[in-house]
Amino acid sequence: MGLEETFDQLCRQVFADGLKAGLITDKDGVVILKSTSADAPLNVADSTIPTTFAIANNQASKLGLKHNRFIVSMYDLYQVVQLDSNPLIITLVGDAAANTGLLINLGHQIEDIAKPLVTALQERQ
């Protein structure tokens, strides 16, 4: 099974638990992989979400607490969990009531399956 199928399968397993969308993008917001539920917000793949994360993550890392690994943002209707898998950004959008720990664990699983892609991209830099 390829990376795209594995990514989609991992995300689909969590749709029933409140996940609306999973994205892997580069730092500029270019979508590399996307898996969305039928009721995902229309603008979920908007490039402003991952690019804003890149800026916020950079600033958070300047707090003197070492490298920031992920950021959780809570909104009225949704929560956004974003993980830094340099040079990629993993973005998970879920219902506000979804289990945040479950989304973070999913993010770590996605990091694991994306390691070959991350390594290939790092070698090209």
PDB file of N, CA and C in Angstrom:
ATOM      1  N   MET A   1       0.848  -1.175   0.000  1.00  0.00           N
ATOM      2  CA  MET A   1       0.000   0.000   0.000  1.00  0.00           C
ATOM      3  C   MET A   1       0.897   1.242   0.000  1.00  0.00           C
ATOM      4  N   GLY A   2       0.564   2.211  -0.841  1.00  0.00           N
ATOM      5  CA  GLY A   2       1.361   3.421  -0.969  1.00  0.00           C
ATOM      6  C   GLY A   2       1.075   4.425   0.135  1.00  0.00           C
ATOM      7  N   LEU A   3       1.866   5.474   0.153  1.00  0.00           N
ATOM      8  CA  LEU A   3       1.740   6.520   1.167  1.00  0.00           C
ATOM      9  C   LEU A   3       0.360   7.168   1.129  1.00  0.00           C
ATOM     10  N   GLU A   4      -0.131   7.481  -0.063  1.00  0.00           N
ATOM     11  CA  GLU A   4      -1.430   8.138  -0.187  1.00  0.00           C
ATOM     12  C   GLU A   4      -2.560   7.272   0.381  1.00  0.00           C
ATOM     13  N   GLU A   5      -2.537   5.984   0.055  1.00  0.00           N
ATOM     14  CA  GLU A   5      -3.579   5.085   0.557  1.00  0.00           C
ATOM     15  C   GLU A   5      -3.487   4.895   2.068  1.00  0.00           C
ATOM     16  N   THR A   6      -2.267   4.766   2.575  1.00  0.00           N
ATOM     17  CA  THR A   6      -2.072   4.588   4.015  1.00  0.00           C
ATOM     18  C   THR A   6      -2.528   5.835   4.773  1.00  0.00           C
ATOM     19  N   PHE A   7      -2.172   7.012   4.247  1.00  0.00           N
ATOM     20  CA  PHE A   7      -2.589   8.271   4.857  1.00  0.00           C
ATOM     21  C   PHE A   7      -4.113   8.367   4.895  1.00  0.00           C
ATOM     22  N   ASP A   8      -4.748   8.099   3.769  1.00  0.00           N
ATOM     23  CA  ASP A   8      -6.204   8.180   3.688  1.00  0.00           C
ATOM     24  C   ASP A   8      -6.862   7.173   4.640  1.00  0.00           C
ATOM     25  N   GLN A   9      -6.318   5.984   4.716  1.00  0.00           N
ATOM     26  CA  GLN A   9      -6.870   4.950   5.609  1.00  0.00           C
ATOM     27  C   GLN A   9      -6.756   5.373   7.079  1.00  0.00           C
ATOM     28  N   LEU A  10      -5.603   5.920   7.471  1.00  0.00           N
ATOM     29  CA  LEU A  10      -5.429   6.387   8.846  1.00  0.00           C
ATOM     30  C   LEU A  10      -6.458   7.468   9.189  1.00  0.00           C
ATOM     31  N   CYS A  11      -6.639   8.409   8.283  1.00  0.00           N
ATOM     32  CA  CYS A  11      -7.587   9.507   8.525  1.00  0.00           C
ATOM     33  C   CYS A  11      -9.018   8.978   8.593  1.00  0.00           C
ATOM     34  N   ARG A  12      -9.383   8.117   7.668  1.00  0.00           N
ATOM     35  CA  ARG A  12     -10.760   7.596   7.633  1.00  0.00           C
ATOM     36  C   ARG A  12     -11.124   6.850   8.921  1.00  0.00           C
ATOM     37  N   GLN A  13     -10.156   6.238   9.560  1.00  0.00           N
ATOM     38  CA  GLN A  13     -10.409   5.524  10.820  1.00  0.00           C
ATOM     39  C   GLN A  13     -10.850   6.471  11.929  1.00  0.00           C
ATOM     40  N   VAL A  14     -10.528   7.758  11.796  1.00  0.00           N
ATOM     41  CA  VAL A  14     -10.810   8.721  12.852  1.00  0.00           C
ATOM     42  C   VAL A  14     -11.957   9.664  12.472  1.00  0.00           C
ATOM     43  N   PHE A  15     -12.487   9.559  11.257  1.00  0.00           N
ATOM     44  CA  PHE A  15     -13.615  10.404  10.859  1.00  0.00           C
ATOM     45  C   PHE A  15     -14.788  10.239  11.824  1.00  0.00           C
ATOM     46  N   ALA A  16     -15.072   9.036  12.250  1.00  0.00           N
ATOM     47  CA  ALA A  16     -16.201   8.797  13.163  1.00  0.00           C
ATOM     48  C   ALA A  16     -15.976   9.428  14.534  1.00  0.00           C
ATOM     49  N   ASP A  17     -14.714   9.708  14.872  1.00  0.00           N
ATOM     50  CA  ASP A  17     -14.384  10.303  16.169  1.00  0.00           C
ATOM     51  C   ASP A  17     -14.246  11.818  16.101  1.00  0.00           C
ATOM     52  N   GLY A  18     -14.641  12.420  14.980  1.00  0.00           N
ATOM     53  CA  GLY A  18     -14.640  13.873  14.893  1.00  0.00           C
ATOM     54  C   GLY A  18     -13.632  14.495  13.965  1.00  0.00           C
ATOM     55  N   LEU A  19     -12.725  13.697  13.376  1.00  0.00           N
ATOM     56  CA  LEU A  19     -11.783  14.269  12.413  1.00  0.00           C
ATOM     57  C   LEU A  19     -12.550  14.692  11.166  1.00  0.00           C
ATOM     58  N   LYS A  20     -12.291  15.888  10.697  1.00  0.00           N
ATOM     59  CA  LYS A  20     -12.923  16.400   9.486  1.00  0.00           C
ATOM     60  C   LYS A  20     -11.969  16.343   8.297  1.00  0.00           C
ATOM     61  N   ALA A  21     -10.688  16.583   8.552  1.00  0.00           N
ATOM     62  CA  ALA A  21      -9.725  16.583   7.458  1.00  0.00           C
ATOM     63  C   ALA A  21      -8.312  16.379   7.977  1.00  0.00           C
ATOM     64  N   GLY A  22      -7.510  15.743   7.156  1.00  0.00           N
ATOM     65  CA  GLY A  22      -6.085  15.598   7.407  1.00  0.00           C
ATOM     66  C   GLY A  22      -5.334  16.088   6.182  1.00  0.00           C
ATOM     67  N   LEU A  23      -4.295  16.863   6.401  1.00  0.00           N
ATOM     68  CA  LEU A  23      -3.513  17.424   5.303  1.00  0.00           C
ATOM     69  C   LEU A  23      -2.029  17.271   5.588  1.00  0.00           C
ATOM     70  N   ILE A  24      -1.277  17.011   4.553  1.00  0.00           N
ATOM     71  CA  ILE A  24       0.175  17.143   4.606  1.00  0.00           C
ATOM     72  C   ILE A  24       0.515  18.190   3.561  1.00  0.00           C
ATOM     73  N   THR A  25       1.185  19.251   4.016  1.00  0.00           N
ATOM     74  CA  THR A  25       1.557  20.345   3.110  1.00  0.00           C
ATOM     75  C   THR A  25       3.029  20.679   3.292  1.00  0.00           C
ATOM     76  N   ASP A  26       3.520  21.480   2.366  1.00  0.00           N
ATOM     77  CA  ASP A  26       4.849  22.036   2.590  1.00  0.00           C
ATOM     78  C   ASP A  26       4.690  23.344   3.363  1.00  0.00           C
ATOM     79  N   LYS A  27       5.791  24.011   3.656  1.00  0.00           N
ATOM     80  CA  LYS A  27       5.755  25.241   4.464  1.00  0.00           C
ATOM     81  C   LYS A  27       5.008  26.388   3.772  1.00  0.00           C
ATOM     82  N   ASP A  28       4.864  26.292   2.450  1.00  0.00           N
ATOM     83  CA  ASP A  28       4.159  27.324   1.696  1.00  0.00           C
ATOM     84  C   ASP A  28       2.668  27.031   1.563  1.00  0.00           C
ATOM     85  N   GLY A  29       2.220  25.912   2.130  1.00  0.00           N
ATOM     86  CA  GLY A  29       0.807  25.579   2.079  1.00  0.00           C
ATOM     87  C   GLY A  29       0.390  24.747   0.884  1.00  0.00           C
ATOM     88  N   VAL A  30       1.344  24.299   0.091  1.00  0.00           N
ATOM     89  CA  VAL A  30       1.021  23.452  -1.060  1.00  0.00           C
ATOM     90  C   VAL A  30       0.620  22.067  -0.544  1.00  0.00           C
ATOM     91  N   VAL A  31      -0.587  21.643  -0.897  1.00  0.00           N
ATOM     92  CA  VAL A  31      -1.107  20.370  -0.403  1.00  0.00           C
ATOM     93  C   VAL A  31      -0.425  19.217  -1.122  1.00  0.00           C
ATOM     94  N   ILE A  32       0.157  18.315  -0.338  1.00  0.00           N
ATOM     95  CA  ILE A  32       0.797  17.117  -0.873  1.00  0.00           C
ATOM     96  C   ILE A  32      -0.165  15.938  -0.761  1.00  0.00           C
ATOM     97  N   LEU A  33      -0.787  15.787   0.412  1.00  0.00           N
ATOM     98  CA  LEU A  33      -1.795  14.743   0.626  1.00  0.00           C
ATOM     99  C   LEU A  33      -2.971  15.341   1.370  1.00  0.00           C
ATOM    100  N   LYS A  34      -4.172  14.882   1.029  1.00  0.00           N
ATOM    101  CA  LYS A  34      -5.374  15.397   1.677  1.00  0.00           C
ATOM    102  C   LYS A  34      -6.389  14.272   1.811  1.00  0.00           C
ATOM    103  N   SER A  35      -7.024  14.212   2.966  1.00  0.00           N
ATOM    104  CA  SER A  35      -8.120  13.278   3.199  1.00  0.00           C
ATOM    105  C   SER A  35      -9.199  14.044   3.956  1.00  0.00           C
ATOM    106  N   THR A  36     -10.391  14.133   3.377  1.00  0.00           N
ATOM    107  CA  THR A  36     -11.459  14.903   4.008  1.00  0.00           C
ATOM    108  C   THR A  36     -12.718  14.065   4.155  1.00  0.00           C
ATOM    109  N   SER A  37     -13.439  14.311   5.238  1.00  0.00           N
ATOM    110  CA  SER A  37     -14.732  13.674   5.436  1.00  0.00           C
ATOM    111  C   SER A  37     -15.776  14.406   4.604  1.00  0.00           C
ATOM    112  N   ALA A  38     -16.944  13.806   4.467  1.00  0.00           N
ATOM    113  CA  ALA A  38     -18.004  14.410   3.657  1.00  0.00           C
ATOM    114  C   ALA A  38     -18.467  15.747   4.230  1.00  0.00           C
ATOM    115  N   ASP A  39     -18.333  15.934   5.545  1.00  0.00           N
ATOM    116  CA  ASP A  39     -18.806  17.164   6.181  1.00  0.00           C
ATOM    117  C   ASP A  39     -17.668  18.107   6.591  1.00  0.00           C
ATOM    118  N   ALA A  40     -16.542  18.006   5.902  1.00  0.00           N
ATOM    119  CA  ALA A  40     -15.400  18.886   6.197  1.00  0.00           C
ATOM    120  C   ALA A  40     -15.717  20.317   5.767  1.00  0.00           C
ATOM    121  N   PRO A  41     -15.195  21.318   6.483  1.00  0.00           N
ATOM    122  CA  PRO A  41     -15.388  22.706   6.066  1.00  0.00           C
ATOM    123  C   PRO A  41     -14.815  22.920   4.660  1.00  0.00           C
ATOM    124  N   LEU A  42     -15.465  23.767   3.897  1.00  0.00           N
ATOM    125  CA  LEU A  42     -15.072  23.976   2.502  1.00  0.00           C
ATOM    126  C   LEU A  42     -13.656  24.522   2.344  1.00  0.00           C
ATOM    127  N   ASN A  43     -13.231  25.393   3.251  1.00  0.00           N
ATOM    128  CA  ASN A  43     -11.930  26.042   3.115  1.00  0.00           C
ATOM    129  C   ASN A  43     -10.811  25.316   3.863  1.00  0.00           C
ATOM    130  N   VAL A  44     -11.001  24.046   4.160  1.00  0.00           N
ATOM    131  CA  VAL A  44     -10.040  23.319   4.981  1.00  0.00           C
ATOM    132  C   VAL A  44      -8.666  23.202   4.308  1.00  0.00           C
ATOM    133  N   ALA A  45      -8.611  23.198   3.007  1.00  0.00           N
ATOM    134  CA  ALA A  45      -7.331  23.071   2.309  1.00  0.00           C
ATOM    135  C   ALA A  45      -6.735  24.430   1.948  1.00  0.00           C
ATOM    136  N   ASP A  46      -7.258  25.484   2.536  1.00  0.00           N
ATOM    137  CA  ASP A  46      -6.745  26.830   2.294  1.00  0.00           C
ATOM    138  C   ASP A  46      -5.292  26.912   2.763  1.00  0.00           C
ATOM    139  N   SER A  47      -4.440  27.487   1.957  1.00  0.00           N
ATOM    140  CA  SER A  47      -3.007  27.514   2.276  1.00  0.00           C
ATOM    141  C   SER A  47      -2.675  28.407   3.463  1.00  0.00           C
ATOM    142  N   THR A  48      -3.614  29.245   3.921  1.00  0.00           N
ATOM    143  CA  THR A  48      -3.295  30.128   5.047  1.00  0.00           C
ATOM    144  C   THR A  48      -3.129  29.360   6.354  1.00  0.00           C
ATOM    145  N   ILE A  49      -3.803  28.235   6.504  1.00  0.00           N
ATOM    146  CA  ILE A  49      -3.694  27.478   7.760  1.00  0.00           C
ATOM    147  C   ILE A  49      -2.263  26.969   7.967  1.00  0.00           C
ATOM    148  N   PRO A  50      -1.672  26.218   7.026  1.00  0.00           N
ATOM    149  CA  PRO A  50      -0.298  25.749   7.274  1.00  0.00           C
ATOM    150  C   PRO A  50       0.753  26.847   7.249  1.00  0.00           C
ATOM    151  N   THR A  51       0.575  27.876   6.423  1.00  0.00           N
ATOM    152  CA  THR A  51       1.595  28.927   6.391  1.00  0.00           C
ATOM    153  C   THR A  51       1.568  29.754   7.679  1.00  0.00           C
ATOM    154  N   THR A  52       0.384  29.969   8.235  1.00  0.00           N
ATOM    155  CA  THR A  52       0.292  30.662   9.518  1.00  0.00           C
ATOM    156  C   THR A  52       0.935  29.828  10.612  1.00  0.00           C
ATOM    157  N   PHE A  53       0.745  28.513  10.547  1.00  0.00           N
ATOM    158  CA  PHE A  53       1.383  27.615  11.513  1.00  0.00           C
ATOM    159  C   PHE A  53       2.903  27.752  11.437  1.00  0.00           C
ATOM    160  N   ALA A  54       3.449  27.784  10.238  1.00  0.00           N
ATOM    161  CA  ALA A  54       4.903  27.871  10.094  1.00  0.00           C
ATOM    162  C   ALA A  54       5.436  29.109  10.805  1.00  0.00           C
ATOM    163  N   ILE A  55       4.740  30.224  10.671  1.00  0.00           N
ATOM    164  CA  ILE A  55       5.158  31.466  11.327  1.00  0.00           C
ATOM    165  C   ILE A  55       4.992  31.356  12.846  1.00  0.00           C
ATOM    166  N   ALA A  56       3.821  30.876  13.284  1.00  0.00           N
ATOM    167  CA  ALA A  56       3.558  30.758  14.727  1.00  0.00           C
ATOM    168  C   ALA A  56       4.512  29.762  15.377  1.00  0.00           C
ATOM    169  N   ASN A  57       4.793  28.675  14.688  1.00  0.00           N
ATOM    170  CA  ASN A  57       5.693  27.661  15.225  1.00  0.00           C
ATOM    171  C   ASN A  57       7.106  28.213  15.373  1.00  0.00           C
ATOM    172  N   ASN A  58       7.537  28.994  14.410  1.00  0.00           N
ATOM    173  CA  ASN A  58       8.844  29.626  14.479  1.00  0.00           C
ATOM    174  C   ASN A  58       8.921  30.567  15.675  1.00  0.00           C
ATOM    175  N   GLN A  59       7.895  31.364  15.887  1.00  0.00           N
ATOM    176  CA  GLN A  59       7.869  32.297  17.014  1.00  0.00           C
ATOM    177  C   GLN A  59       7.818  31.547  18.351  1.00  0.00           C
ATOM    178  N   ALA A  60       7.003  30.483  18.422  1.00  0.00           N
ATOM    179  CA  ALA A  60       6.895  29.708  19.661  1.00  0.00           C
ATOM    180  C   ALA A  60       8.221  29.060  20.030  1.00  0.00           C
ATOM    181  N   SER A  61       8.998  28.688  19.030  1.00  0.00           N
ATOM    182  CA  SER A  61      10.293  28.069  19.300  1.00  0.00           C
ATOM    183  C   SER A  61      11.297  29.058  19.879  1.00  0.00           C
ATOM    184  N   LYS A  62      11.010  30.350  19.808  1.00  0.00           N
ATOM    185  CA  LYS A  62      11.904  31.376  20.345  1.00  0.00           C
ATOM    186  C   LYS A  62      11.663  31.647  21.827  1.00  0.00           C
ATOM    187  N   LEU A  63      10.762  30.910  22.455  1.00  0.00           N
ATOM    188  CA  LEU A  63      10.451  31.130  23.867  1.00  0.00           C
ATOM    189  C   LEU A  63      11.516  30.565  24.806  1.00  0.00           C
ATOM    190  N   GLY A  64      12.505  29.918  24.246  1.00  0.00           N
ATOM    191  CA  GLY A  64      13.566  29.353  25.070  1.00  0.00           C
ATOM    192  C   GLY A  64      13.224  27.988  25.633  1.00  0.00           C
ATOM    193  N   LEU A  65      12.224  27.347  25.087  1.00  0.00           N
ATOM    194  CA  LEU A  65      11.804  26.034  25.562  1.00  0.00           C
ATOM    195  C   LEU A  65      12.144  24.936  24.562  1.00  0.00           C
ATOM    196  N   LYS A  66      13.110  25.172  23.729  1.00  0.00           N
ATOM    197  CA  LYS A  66      13.535  24.262  22.665  1.00  0.00           C
ATOM    198  C   LYS A  66      12.550  24.297  21.507  1.00  0.00           C
ATOM    199  N   HIS A  67      12.689  23.355  20.604  1.00  0.00           N
ATOM    200  CA  HIS A  67      11.869  23.318  19.386  1.00  0.00           C
ATOM    201  C   HIS A  67      10.431  22.936  19.703  1.00  0.00           C
ATOM    202  N   ASN A  68       9.497  23.707  19.171  1.00  0.00           N
ATOM    203  CA  ASN A  68       8.073  23.427  19.333  1.00  0.00           C
ATOM    204  C   ASN A  68       7.685  22.312  18.365  1.00  0.00           C
ATOM    205  N   ARG A  69       7.023  21.256  18.858  1.00  0.00           N
ATOM    206  CA  ARG A  69       6.697  20.109  18.009  1.00  0.00           C
ATOM    207  C   ARG A  69       5.304  20.183  17.409  1.00  0.00           C
ATOM    208  N   PHE A  70       4.336  20.721  18.157  1.00  0.00           N
ATOM    209  CA  PHE A  70       2.993  20.853  17.606  1.00  0.00           C
ATOM    210  C   PHE A  70       2.232  21.958  18.306  1.00  0.00           C
ATOM    211  N   ILE A  71       1.180  22.431  17.629  1.00  0.00           N
ATOM    212  CA  ILE A  71       0.320  23.484  18.158  1.00  0.00           C
ATOM    213  C   ILE A  71      -1.125  23.018  18.031  1.00  0.00           C
ATOM    214  N   VAL A  72      -1.906  23.231  19.084  1.00  0.00           N
ATOM    215  CA  VAL A  72      -3.333  22.935  19.070  1.00  0.00           C
ATOM    216  C   VAL A  72      -4.081  24.255  19.170  1.00  0.00           C
ATOM    217  N   SER A  73      -4.973  24.503  18.235  1.00  0.00           N
ATOM    218  CA  SER A  73      -5.784  25.719  18.231  1.00  0.00           C
ATOM    219  C   SER A  73      -7.249  25.317  18.375  1.00  0.00           C
ATOM    220  N   MET A  74      -7.937  25.923  19.343  1.00  0.00           N
ATOM    221  CA  MET A  74      -9.349  25.604  19.591  1.00  0.00           C
ATOM    222  C   MET A  74     -10.218  26.767  19.127  1.00  0.00           C
ATOM    223  N   TYR A  75     -11.264  26.442  18.386  1.00  0.00           N
ATOM    224  CA  TYR A  75     -12.229  27.420  17.899  1.00  0.00           C
ATOM    225  C   TYR A  75     -13.621  27.002  18.362  1.00  0.00           C
ATOM    226  N   ASP A  76     -14.630  27.807  18.078  1.00  0.00           N
ATOM    227  CA  ASP A  76     -15.990  27.477  18.501  1.00  0.00           C
ATOM    228  C   ASP A  76     -16.458  26.144  17.932  1.00  0.00           C
ATOM    229  N   LEU A  77     -16.240  25.921  16.656  1.00  0.00           N
ATOM    230  CA  LEU A  77     -16.750  24.722  15.996  1.00  0.00           C
ATOM    231  C   LEU A  77     -15.693  23.667  15.719  1.00  0.00           C
ATOM    232  N   TYR A  78     -14.423  24.074  15.655  1.00  0.00           N
ATOM    233  CA  TYR A  78     -13.372  23.155  15.244  1.00  0.00           C
ATOM    234  C   TYR A  78     -12.145  23.296  16.121  1.00  0.00           C
ATOM    235  N   GLN A  79     -11.288  22.295  16.044  1.00  0.00           N
ATOM    236  CA  GLN A  79      -9.949  22.392  16.601  1.00  0.00           C
ATOM    237  C   GLN A  79      -8.973  22.005  15.501  1.00  0.00           C
ATOM    238  N   VAL A  80      -7.803  22.606  15.554  1.00  0.00           N
ATOM    239  CA  VAL A  80      -6.775  22.344  14.563  1.00  0.00           C
ATOM    240  C   VAL A  80      -5.519  21.898  15.301  1.00  0.00           C
ATOM    241  N   VAL A  81      -5.032  20.709  14.942  1.00  0.00           N
ATOM    242  CA  VAL A  81      -3.792  20.181  15.501  1.00  0.00           C
ATOM    243  C   VAL A  81      -2.782  20.175  14.367  1.00  0.00           C
ATOM    244  N   GLN A  82      -1.649  20.842  14.583  1.00  0.00           N
ATOM    245  CA  GLN A  82      -0.634  20.934  13.543  1.00  0.00           C
ATOM    246  C   GLN A  82       0.711  20.485  14.089  1.00  0.00           C
ATOM    247  N   LEU A  83       1.364  19.624  13.337  1.00  0.00           N
ATOM    248  CA  LEU A  83       2.656  19.072  13.737  1.00  0.00           C
ATOM    249  C   LEU A  83       3.726  19.498  12.749  1.00  0.00           C
ATOM    250  N   ASP A  84       4.893  19.829  13.284  1.00  0.00           N
ATOM    251  CA  ASP A  84       6.032  20.208  12.464  1.00  0.00           C
ATOM    252  C   ASP A  84       6.837  18.958  12.146  1.00  0.00           C
ATOM    253  N   SER A  85       6.813  18.559  10.898  1.00  0.00           N
ATOM    254  CA  SER A  85       7.601  17.426  10.425  1.00  0.00           C
ATOM    255  C   SER A  85       8.496  17.952   9.307  1.00  0.00           C
ATOM    256  N   ASN A  86       9.351  18.883   9.674  1.00  0.00           N
ATOM    257  CA  ASN A  86      10.169  19.644   8.735  1.00  0.00           C
ATOM    258  C   ASN A  86      10.756  18.756   7.639  1.00  0.00           C
ATOM    259  N   PRO A  87      10.507  19.087   6.390  1.00  0.00           N
ATOM    260  CA  PRO A  87       9.973  20.309   5.816  1.00  0.00           C
ATOM    261  C   PRO A  87       8.453  20.284   5.578  1.00  0.00           C
ATOM    262  N   LEU A  88       7.763  19.338   6.164  1.00  0.00           N
ATOM    263  CA  LEU A  88       6.324  19.219   5.968  1.00  0.00           C
ATOM    264  C   LEU A  88       5.551  19.668   7.199  1.00  0.00           C
ATOM    265  N   ILE A  89       4.282  20.005   6.987  1.00  0.00           N
ATOM    266  CA  ILE A  89       3.371  20.350   8.074  1.00  0.00           C
ATOM    267  C   ILE A  89       2.188  19.394   7.985  1.00  0.00           C
ATOM    268  N   ILE A  90       1.867  18.777   9.101  1.00  0.00           N
ATOM    269  CA  ILE A  90       0.704  17.899   9.190  1.00  0.00           C
ATOM    270  C   ILE A  90      -0.390  18.684   9.893  1.00  0.00           C
ATOM    271  N   THR A  91      -1.539  18.819   9.245  1.00  0.00           N
ATOM    272  CA  THR A  91      -2.665  19.573   9.790  1.00  0.00           C
ATOM    273  C   THR A  91      -3.862  18.660   9.910  1.00  0.00           C
ATOM    274  N   LEU A  92      -4.438  18.601  11.109  1.00  0.00           N
ATOM    275  CA  LEU A  92      -5.635  17.807  11.370  1.00  0.00           C
ATOM    276  C   LEU A  92      -6.721  18.739  11.880  1.00  0.00           C
ATOM    277  N   VAL A  93      -7.860  18.739  11.221  1.00  0.00           N
ATOM    278  CA  VAL A  93      -8.991  19.577  11.614  1.00  0.00           C
ATOM    279  C   VAL A  93     -10.083  18.655  12.126  1.00  0.00           C
ATOM    280  N   GLY A  94     -10.530  18.905  13.356  1.00  0.00           N
ATOM    281  CA  GLY A  94     -11.571  18.078  13.962  1.00  0.00           C
ATOM    282  C   GLY A  94     -12.657  18.927  14.578  1.00  0.00           C
ATOM    283  N   ASP A  95     -13.747  18.275  14.944  1.00  0.00           N
ATOM    284  CA  ASP A  95     -14.803  18.946  15.710  1.00  0.00           C
ATOM    285  C   ASP A  95     -14.204  19.508  16.983  1.00  0.00           C
ATOM    286  N   ALA A  96     -14.800  20.562  17.508  1.00  0.00           N
ATOM    287  CA  ALA A  96     -14.318  21.135  18.770  1.00  0.00           C
ATOM    288  C   ALA A  96     -14.386  20.118  19.898  1.00  0.00           C
ATOM    289  N   ALA A  97     -15.338  19.193  19.832  1.00  0.00           N
ATOM    290  CA  ALA A  97     -15.514  18.201  20.897  1.00  0.00           C
ATOM    291  C   ALA A  97     -14.705  16.931  20.671  1.00  0.00           C
ATOM    292  N   ALA A  98     -13.961  16.839  19.581  1.00  0.00           N
ATOM    293  CA  ALA A  98     -13.168  15.641  19.309  1.00  0.00           C
ATOM    294  C   ALA A  98     -12.070  15.487  20.365  1.00  0.00           C
ATOM    295  N   ASN A  99     -11.618  14.269  20.560  1.00  0.00           N
ATOM    296  CA  ASN A  99     -10.569  13.961  21.519  1.00  0.00           C
ATOM    297  C   ASN A  99      -9.235  14.487  20.978  1.00  0.00           C
ATOM    298  N   THR A 100      -8.712  15.525  21.604  1.00  0.00           N
ATOM    299  CA  THR A 100      -7.475  16.149  21.142  1.00  0.00           C
ATOM    300  C   THR A 100      -6.306  15.177  21.192  1.00  0.00           C
ATOM    301  N   GLY A 101      -6.237  14.377  22.223  1.00  0.00           N
ATOM    302  CA  GLY A 101      -5.163  13.383  22.343  1.00  0.00           C
ATOM    303  C   GLY A 101      -5.191  12.391  21.196  1.00  0.00           C
ATOM    304  N   LEU A 102      -6.387  11.998  20.774  1.00  0.00           N
ATOM    305  CA  LEU A 102      -6.532  11.084  19.645  1.00  0.00           C
ATOM    306  C   LEU A 102      -5.988  11.732  18.370  1.00  0.00           C
ATOM    307  N   LEU A 103      -6.285  13.013  18.176  1.00  0.00           N
ATOM    308  CA  LEU A 103      -5.785  13.720  17.001  1.00  0.00           C
ATOM    309  C   LEU A 103      -4.264  13.864  17.045  1.00  0.00           C
ATOM    310  N   ILE A 104      -3.714  14.125  18.217  1.00  0.00           N
ATOM    311  CA  ILE A 104      -2.256  14.221  18.351  1.00  0.00           C
ATOM    312  C   ILE A 104      -1.612  12.868  18.042  1.00  0.00           C
ATOM    313  N   ASN A 105      -2.194  11.795  18.559  1.00  0.00           N
ATOM    314  CA  ASN A 105      -1.665  10.452  18.274  1.00  0.00           C
ATOM    315  C   ASN A 105      -1.732  10.145  16.780  1.00  0.00           C
ATOM    316  N   LEU A 106      -2.835  10.528  16.136  1.00  0.00           N
ATOM    317  CA  LEU A 106      -2.950  10.348  14.689  1.00  0.00           C
ATOM    318  C   LEU A 106      -1.847  11.122  13.979  1.00  0.00           C
ATOM    319  N   GLY A 107      -1.587  12.333  14.435  1.00  0.00           N
ATOM    320  CA  GLY A 107      -0.509  13.131  13.844  1.00  0.00           C
ATOM    321  C   GLY A 107       0.833  12.428  13.931  1.00  0.00           C
ATOM    322  N   HIS A 108       1.103  11.798  15.070  1.00  0.00           N
ATOM    323  CA  HIS A 108       2.362  11.060  15.229  1.00  0.00           C
ATOM    324  C   HIS A 108       2.407   9.841  14.309  1.00  0.00           C
ATOM    325  N   GLN A 109       1.279   9.171  14.130  1.00  0.00           N
ATOM    326  CA  GLN A 109       1.221   8.039  13.191  1.00  0.00           C
ATOM    327  C   GLN A 109       1.492   8.518  11.763  1.00  0.00           C
ATOM    328  N   ILE A 110       0.932   9.657  11.415  1.00  0.00           N
ATOM    329  CA  ILE A 110       1.162  10.215  10.075  1.00  0.00           C
ATOM    330  C   ILE A 110       2.625  10.608   9.914  1.00  0.00           C
ATOM    331  N   GLU A 111       3.225  11.162  10.963  1.00  0.00           N
ATOM    332  CA  GLU A 111       4.660  11.481  10.910  1.00  0.00           C
ATOM    333  C   GLU A 111       5.471  10.231  10.590  1.00  0.00           C
ATOM    334  N   ASP A 112       5.119   9.121  11.236  1.00  0.00           N
ATOM    335  CA  ASP A 112       5.851   7.874  11.017  1.00  0.00           C
ATOM    336  C   ASP A 112       5.754   7.390   9.570  1.00  0.00           C
ATOM    337  N   ILE A 113       4.551   7.440   8.994  1.00  0.00           N
ATOM    338  CA  ILE A 113       4.419   6.945   7.622  1.00  0.00           C
ATOM    339  C   ILE A 113       5.008   7.910   6.600  1.00  0.00           C
ATOM    340  N   ALA A 114       5.140   9.191   6.978  1.00  0.00           N
ATOM    341  CA  ALA A 114       5.673  10.199   6.050  1.00  0.00           C
ATOM    342  C   ALA A 114       7.196  10.331   6.129  1.00  0.00           C
ATOM    343  N   LYS A 115       7.856   9.577   7.006  1.00  0.00           N
ATOM    344  CA  LYS A 115       9.313   9.705   7.164  1.00  0.00           C
ATOM    345  C   LYS A 115      10.085   9.534   5.859  1.00  0.00           C
ATOM    346  N   PRO A 116       9.736   8.548   5.008  1.00  0.00           N
ATOM    347  CA  PRO A 116      10.482   8.440   3.742  1.00  0.00           C
ATOM    348  C   PRO A 116      10.352   9.700   2.873  1.00  0.00           C
ATOM    349  N   LEU A 117       9.181  10.304   2.856  1.00  0.00           N
ATOM    350  CA  LEU A 117       8.964  11.533   2.091  1.00  0.00           C
ATOM    351  C   LEU A 117       9.774  12.681   2.697  1.00  0.00           C
ATOM    352  N   VAL A 118       9.755  12.797   4.017  1.00  0.00           N
ATOM    353  CA  VAL A 118      10.515  13.842   4.699  1.00  0.00           C
ATOM    354  C   VAL A 118      12.005  13.690   4.394  1.00  0.00           C
ATOM    355  N   THR A 119      12.516  12.465   4.470  1.00  0.00           N
ATOM    356  CA  THR A 119      13.928  12.208   4.204  1.00  0.00           C
ATOM    357  C   THR A 119      14.287  12.585   2.773  1.00  0.00           C
ATOM    358  N   ALA A 120      13.443  12.199   1.820  1.00  0.00           N
ATOM    359  CA  ALA A 120      13.698  12.519   0.413  1.00  0.00           C
ATOM    360  C   ALA A 120      13.721  14.026   0.187  1.00  0.00           C
ATOM    361  N   LEU A 121      12.789  14.741   0.808  1.00  0.00           N
ATOM    362  CA  LEU A 121      12.751  16.194   0.648  1.00  0.00           C
ATOM    363  C   LEU A 121      13.935  16.870   1.316  1.00  0.00           C
ATOM    364  N   GLN A 122      14.356  16.370   2.466  1.00  0.00           N
ATOM    365  CA  GLN A 122      15.520  16.955   3.156  1.00  0.00           C
ATOM    366  C   GLN A 122      16.803  16.752   2.358  1.00  0.00           C
ATOM    367  N   GLU A 123      16.901  15.615   1.667  1.00  0.00           N
ATOM    368  CA  GLU A 123      18.089  15.350   0.869  1.00  0.00           C
ATOM    369  C   GLU A 123      18.164  16.265  -0.344  1.00  0.00           C
ATOM    370  N   ARG A 124      17.021  16.752  -0.819  1.00  0.00           N
ATOM    371  CA  ARG A 124      16.993  17.631  -1.997  1.00  0.00           C
ATOM    372  C   ARG A 124      17.301  19.073  -1.637  1.00  0.00           C
ATOM    373  N   GLN A 125      17.305  19.404  -0.348  1.00  0.00           N
ATOM    374  CA  GLN A 125      17.534  20.807   0.064  1.00  0.00           C
ATOM    375  C   GLN A 125      19.004  21.123   0.090  1.00  0.00           C
TER     376      GLN A 125
END
